[in-house]
Amino acid sequence: MQKLMIRTAIAVFLTVLILSGCDANNGQVDFRVAAGAVPSGIFRTTDGVTPLNGENDPDDWRTAPIYATSGFLVLQRGSPNPARLSVPDVVQIVVHADSQIPGGLQLVARDGFGERIIITPFTDIPGAGSYPFTFFASEILSAQAGELWRLVLFDSRGEPVTYGDLQIEQ
């Protein structure tokens, strides 16, 4: 009788463990699709923290499900947003990690037609700390005033970790 109870408890535990893993994997698939979608809406800001005129795109700068429990978060969303080409504006994103991200993170920009531009090479994330990703808006080489670009931070396995949209102005 006791062996049967132990086996049942183990079976229930393993089932819950497997199903929770499926939810995270399914969530990551959905997140990957969203990160690859056409840019839409922005978090309008000058400081990366406070939305201007209440313009806050809730889809921007979420954390991927596979990183949600790892202490990864975006401290400063891409700002300024919109970014100007003529000045040129320095755009900065700051993220926090509680632990190492093997292989680091790479920032990539995508337009609505799927063109990809690597903004930063893989940046090492050796352990707990805050990490800035900084670039000039003009580094998005084919960007034109009025366009929206999706900025995506990828891990070394090619999984999106977070993303947000950047509006380009002259």
C-alpha atoms as a PDB file:
ATOM      1  CA  MET A   1       0.000   0.000   0.000  1.00  0.00           C
ATOM      2  CA  GLN A   2       2.805   2.421   0.919  1.00  0.00           C
ATOM      3  CA  LYS A   3       4.647   1.652  -2.345  1.00  0.00           C
ATOM      4  CA  LEU A   4       1.473   2.430  -4.290  1.00  0.00           C
ATOM      5  CA  MET A   5       1.109   5.784  -2.513  1.00  0.00           C
ATOM      6  CA  ILE A   6       4.743   6.664  -3.201  1.00  0.00           C
ATOM      7  CA  ARG A   7       4.395   5.698  -6.876  1.00  0.00           C
ATOM      8  CA  THR A   8       1.205   7.729  -7.174  1.00  0.00           C
ATOM      9  CA  ALA A   9       2.850  10.746  -5.524  1.00  0.00           C
ATOM     10  CA  ILE A  10       5.851  10.479  -7.857  1.00  0.00           C
ATOM     11  CA  ALA A  11       3.577  10.142 -10.903  1.00  0.00           C
ATOM     12  CA  VAL A  12       1.569  13.211  -9.891  1.00  0.00           C
ATOM     13  CA  PHE A  13       4.749  15.204  -9.223  1.00  0.00           C
ATOM     14  CA  LEU A  14       6.271  14.261 -12.589  1.00  0.00           C
ATOM     15  CA  THR A  15       3.034  15.074 -14.421  1.00  0.00           C
ATOM     16  CA  VAL A  16       2.863  18.529 -12.822  1.00  0.00           C
ATOM     17  CA  LEU A  17       6.544  19.113 -13.576  1.00  0.00           C
ATOM     18  CA  ILE A  18       6.151  18.109 -17.238  1.00  0.00           C
ATOM     19  CA  LEU A  19       2.983  20.137 -17.725  1.00  0.00           C
ATOM     20  CA  SER A  20       4.521  23.252 -16.186  1.00  0.00           C
ATOM     21  CA  GLY A  21       7.478  22.866 -18.550  1.00  0.00           C
ATOM     22  CA  CYS A  22       5.068  22.634 -21.480  1.00  0.00           C
ATOM     23  CA  ASP A  23       3.427  25.903 -20.427  1.00  0.00           C
ATOM     24  CA  ALA A  24       6.807  27.658 -20.356  1.00  0.00           C
ATOM     25  CA  ASN A  25       7.753  26.199 -23.737  1.00  0.00           C
ATOM     26  CA  ASN A  26       4.384  27.118 -25.278  1.00  0.00           C
ATOM     27  CA  GLY A  27       4.700  30.580 -23.771  1.00  0.00           C
ATOM     28  CA  GLN A  28       8.169  30.937 -25.304  1.00  0.00           C
ATOM     29  CA  VAL A  29       6.841  29.903 -28.719  1.00  0.00           C
ATOM     30  CA  ASP A  30       4.136  32.588 -28.442  1.00  0.00           C
ATOM     31  CA  PHE A  31       6.747  35.112 -27.255  1.00  0.00           C
ATOM     32  CA  ARG A  32       9.030  34.222 -30.188  1.00  0.00           C
ATOM     33  CA  VAL A  33       6.153  34.822 -32.624  1.00  0.00           C
ATOM     34  CA  ALA A  34       5.333  38.175 -30.970  1.00  0.00           C
ATOM     35  CA  ALA A  35       9.002  39.253 -31.073  1.00  0.00           C
ATOM     36  CA  GLY A  36       9.070  38.491 -34.799  1.00  0.00           C
ATOM     37  CA  ALA A  37       5.842  40.359 -35.553  1.00  0.00           C
ATOM     38  CA  VAL A  38       5.609  43.667 -37.385  1.00  0.00           C
ATOM     39  CA  PRO A  39       6.473  46.599 -35.076  1.00  0.00           C
ATOM     40  CA  SER A  40       3.370  48.350 -33.709  1.00  0.00           C
ATOM     41  CA  GLY A  41       3.068  51.078 -31.098  1.00  0.00           C
ATOM     42  CA  ILE A  42       5.765  52.521 -28.849  1.00  0.00           C
ATOM     43  CA  PHE A  43       6.490  53.341 -25.251  1.00  0.00           C
ATOM     44  CA  ARG A  44       6.974  57.101 -25.788  1.00  0.00           C
ATOM     45  CA  THR A  45       9.621  58.289 -23.323  1.00  0.00           C
ATOM     46  CA  THR A  46      12.668  60.460 -22.828  1.00  0.00           C
ATOM     47  CA  ASP A  47      14.071  58.553 -19.844  1.00  0.00           C
ATOM     48  CA  GLY A  48      13.087  54.927 -20.537  1.00  0.00           C
ATOM     49  CA  VAL A  49      10.992  54.760 -17.377  1.00  0.00           C
ATOM     50  CA  THR A  50       8.179  57.317 -17.542  1.00  0.00           C
ATOM     51  CA  PRO A  51       5.717  57.260 -20.445  1.00  0.00           C
ATOM     52  CA  LEU A  52       5.015  60.625 -22.092  1.00  0.00           C
ATOM     53  CA  ASN A  53       1.381  61.622 -22.518  1.00  0.00           C
ATOM     54  CA  GLY A  54       0.344  58.202 -21.205  1.00  0.00           C
ATOM     55  CA  GLU A  55       1.642  56.511 -24.363  1.00  0.00           C
ATOM     56  CA  ASN A  56       2.638  53.077 -23.114  1.00  0.00           C
ATOM     57  CA  ASP A  57       2.644  50.014 -25.360  1.00  0.00           C
ATOM     58  CA  PRO A  58       2.106  47.148 -22.873  1.00  0.00           C
ATOM     59  CA  ASP A  59       3.541  44.671 -25.387  1.00  0.00           C
ATOM     60  CA  ASP A  60       6.955  46.375 -25.389  1.00  0.00           C
ATOM     61  CA  TRP A  61       9.833  45.258 -23.166  1.00  0.00           C
ATOM     62  CA  ARG A  62       8.255  42.194 -21.602  1.00  0.00           C
ATOM     63  CA  THR A  63      10.550  39.391 -20.431  1.00  0.00           C
ATOM     64  CA  ALA A  64      10.490  36.047 -22.243  1.00  0.00           C
ATOM     65  CA  PRO A  65       8.874  33.174 -20.307  1.00  0.00           C
ATOM     66  CA  ILE A  66      12.142  31.199 -20.240  1.00  0.00           C
ATOM     67  CA  TYR A  67      13.810  34.147 -18.458  1.00  0.00           C
ATOM     68  CA  ALA A  68      10.839  35.209 -16.294  1.00  0.00           C
ATOM     69  CA  THR A  69      12.005  33.289 -13.220  1.00  0.00           C
ATOM     70  CA  SER A  70      15.718  34.033 -13.646  1.00  0.00           C
ATOM     71  CA  GLY A  71      15.693  37.581 -12.302  1.00  0.00           C
ATOM     72  CA  PHE A  72      15.997  39.165 -15.752  1.00  0.00           C
ATOM     73  CA  LEU A  73      14.216  42.480 -16.211  1.00  0.00           C
ATOM     74  CA  VAL A  74      14.357  45.652 -18.245  1.00  0.00           C
ATOM     75  CA  LEU A  75      15.341  48.594 -16.024  1.00  0.00           C
ATOM     76  CA  GLN A  76      15.257  51.222 -18.778  1.00  0.00           C
ATOM     77  CA  ARG A  77      13.237  50.755 -21.942  1.00  0.00           C
ATOM     78  CA  GLY A  78      14.684  51.971 -25.222  1.00  0.00           C
ATOM     79  CA  SER A  79      14.964  55.729 -24.929  1.00  0.00           C
ATOM     80  CA  PRO A  80      14.592  58.307 -26.149  1.00  0.00           C
ATOM     81  CA  ASN A  81      11.604  57.056 -28.085  1.00  0.00           C
ATOM     82  CA  PRO A  82      11.024  58.400 -30.688  1.00  0.00           C
ATOM     83  CA  ALA A  83      14.697  58.680 -31.636  1.00  0.00           C
ATOM     84  CA  ARG A  84      15.964  61.305 -34.058  1.00  0.00           C
ATOM     85  CA  LEU A  85      18.363  60.663 -36.920  1.00  0.00           C
ATOM     86  CA  SER A  86      19.368  64.297 -37.407  1.00  0.00           C
ATOM     87  CA  VAL A  87      20.695  65.000 -33.885  1.00  0.00           C
ATOM     88  CA  PRO A  88      21.708  61.995 -33.664  1.00  0.00           C
ATOM     89  CA  ASP A  89      20.064  60.528 -30.580  1.00  0.00           C
ATOM     90  CA  VAL A  90      21.870  57.950 -28.486  1.00  0.00           C
ATOM     91  CA  VAL A  91      19.381  55.204 -27.657  1.00  0.00           C
ATOM     92  CA  GLN A  92      19.922  53.212 -24.482  1.00  0.00           C
ATOM     93  CA  ILE A  93      18.341  50.082 -23.048  1.00  0.00           C
ATOM     94  CA  VAL A  94      19.396  48.855 -19.607  1.00  0.00           C
ATOM     95  CA  VAL A  95      18.682  45.331 -18.417  1.00  0.00           C
ATOM     96  CA  HIS A  96      19.329  43.535 -15.141  1.00  0.00           C
ATOM     97  CA  ALA A  97      20.287  39.892 -14.722  1.00  0.00           C
ATOM     98  CA  ASP A  98      20.518  37.986 -11.439  1.00  0.00           C
ATOM     99  CA  SER A  99      22.919  35.462 -12.930  1.00  0.00           C
ATOM    100  CA  GLN A 100      25.127  34.733 -15.921  1.00  0.00           C
ATOM    101  CA  ILE A 101      23.553  34.458 -19.363  1.00  0.00           C
ATOM    102  CA  PRO A 102      25.854  32.031 -21.185  1.00  0.00           C
ATOM    103  CA  GLY A 103      26.999  33.475 -24.501  1.00  0.00           C
ATOM    104  CA  GLY A 104      25.590  36.918 -23.670  1.00  0.00           C
ATOM    105  CA  LEU A 105      22.941  38.978 -25.451  1.00  0.00           C
ATOM    106  CA  GLN A 106      22.816  40.571 -28.901  1.00  0.00           C
ATOM    107  CA  LEU A 107      20.680  43.566 -29.919  1.00  0.00           C
ATOM    108  CA  VAL A 108      19.052  43.337 -33.344  1.00  0.00           C
ATOM    109  CA  ALA A 109      16.723  45.805 -35.123  1.00  0.00           C
ATOM    110  CA  ARG A 110      13.995  44.625 -37.516  1.00  0.00           C
ATOM    111  CA  ASP A 111      11.758  46.714 -39.736  1.00  0.00           C
ATOM    112  CA  GLY A 112       8.216  45.839 -40.801  1.00  0.00           C
ATOM    113  CA  PHE A 113       9.531  43.997 -43.861  1.00  0.00           C
ATOM    114  CA  GLY A 114      11.835  41.668 -41.929  1.00  0.00           C
ATOM    115  CA  GLU A 115      15.146  43.416 -42.620  1.00  0.00           C
ATOM    116  CA  ARG A 116      17.525  42.627 -39.744  1.00  0.00           C
ATOM    117  CA  ILE A 117      20.387  44.836 -38.636  1.00  0.00           C
ATOM    118  CA  ILE A 118      22.721  43.726 -35.854  1.00  0.00           C
ATOM    119  CA  ILE A 119      23.131  46.722 -33.564  1.00  0.00           C
ATOM    120  CA  THR A 120      25.508  45.235 -30.990  1.00  0.00           C
ATOM    121  CA  PRO A 121      27.616  42.077 -31.078  1.00  0.00           C
ATOM    122  CA  PHE A 122      27.040  39.572 -28.299  1.00  0.00           C
ATOM    123  CA  THR A 123      27.547  41.399 -24.995  1.00  0.00           C
ATOM    124  CA  ASP A 124      28.862  39.268 -22.150  1.00  0.00           C
ATOM    125  CA  ILE A 125      26.521  38.897 -19.156  1.00  0.00           C
ATOM    126  CA  PRO A 126      28.946  37.292 -16.654  1.00  0.00           C
ATOM    127  CA  GLY A 127      26.757  37.485 -13.561  1.00  0.00           C
ATOM    128  CA  ALA A 128      24.409  39.589 -11.482  1.00  0.00           C
ATOM    129  CA  GLY A 129      24.315  43.234 -12.498  1.00  0.00           C
ATOM    130  CA  SER A 130      22.924  45.887 -14.801  1.00  0.00           C
ATOM    131  CA  TYR A 131      23.973  45.972 -18.446  1.00  0.00           C
ATOM    132  CA  PRO A 132      23.466  48.886 -20.865  1.00  0.00           C
ATOM    133  CA  PHE A 133      22.976  48.488 -24.610  1.00  0.00           C
ATOM    134  CA  THR A 134      23.707  51.820 -26.272  1.00  0.00           C
ATOM    135  CA  PHE A 135      23.660  52.850 -29.931  1.00  0.00           C
ATOM    136  CA  PHE A 136      23.010  55.806 -32.221  1.00  0.00           C
ATOM    137  CA  ALA A 137      19.652  55.717 -33.982  1.00  0.00           C
ATOM    138  CA  SER A 138      21.601  56.280 -37.213  1.00  0.00           C
ATOM    139  CA  GLU A 139      23.237  52.841 -36.762  1.00  0.00           C
ATOM    140  CA  ILE A 140      19.977  51.418 -38.061  1.00  0.00           C
ATOM    141  CA  LEU A 141      21.430  52.072 -41.502  1.00  0.00           C
ATOM    142  CA  SER A 142      18.317  52.011 -43.679  1.00  0.00           C
ATOM    143  CA  ALA A 143      16.024  53.686 -41.131  1.00  0.00           C
ATOM    144  CA  GLN A 144      13.876  56.527 -42.427  1.00  0.00           C
ATOM    145  CA  ALA A 145      11.880  59.145 -40.523  1.00  0.00           C
ATOM    146  CA  GLY A 146       8.410  57.883 -39.635  1.00  0.00           C
ATOM    147  CA  GLU A 147       9.372  54.199 -39.513  1.00  0.00           C
ATOM    148  CA  LEU A 148       8.937  51.806 -36.622  1.00  0.00           C
ATOM    149  CA  TRP A 149      11.697  49.301 -35.879  1.00  0.00           C
ATOM    150  CA  ARG A 150      11.482  46.342 -33.515  1.00  0.00           C
ATOM    151  CA  LEU A 151      14.498  46.053 -31.198  1.00  0.00           C
ATOM    152  CA  VAL A 152      15.070  42.497 -29.955  1.00  0.00           C
ATOM    153  CA  LEU A 153      17.610  41.219 -27.450  1.00  0.00           C
ATOM    154  CA  PHE A 154      18.525  37.635 -28.375  1.00  0.00           C
ATOM    155  CA  ASP A 155      20.448  35.118 -26.293  1.00  0.00           C
ATOM    156  CA  SER A 156      23.211  33.010 -27.833  1.00  0.00           C
ATOM    157  CA  ARG A 157      20.690  30.249 -28.698  1.00  0.00           C
ATOM    158  CA  GLY A 158      18.711  32.688 -30.832  1.00  0.00           C
ATOM    159  CA  GLU A 159      15.846  33.002 -28.353  1.00  0.00           C
ATOM    160  CA  PRO A 160      14.319  36.461 -27.887  1.00  0.00           C
ATOM    161  CA  VAL A 161      14.719  37.656 -24.300  1.00  0.00           C
ATOM    162  CA  THR A 162      12.881  40.984 -24.581  1.00  0.00           C
ATOM    163  CA  TYR A 163      11.767  43.347 -27.330  1.00  0.00           C
ATOM    164  CA  GLY A 164      10.257  46.764 -27.941  1.00  0.00           C
ATOM    165  CA  ASP A 165       9.515  49.128 -30.789  1.00  0.00           C
ATOM    166  CA  LEU A 166      11.435  52.290 -31.640  1.00  0.00           C
ATOM    167  CA  GLN A 167      10.004  55.109 -33.732  1.00  0.00           C
ATOM    168  CA  ILE A 168      12.456  56.970 -35.974  1.00  0.00           C
ATOM    169  CA  GLU A 169      12.127  60.732 -36.501  1.00  0.00           C
ATOM    170  CA  GLN A 170      14.176  63.134 -38.587  1.00  0.00           C
END
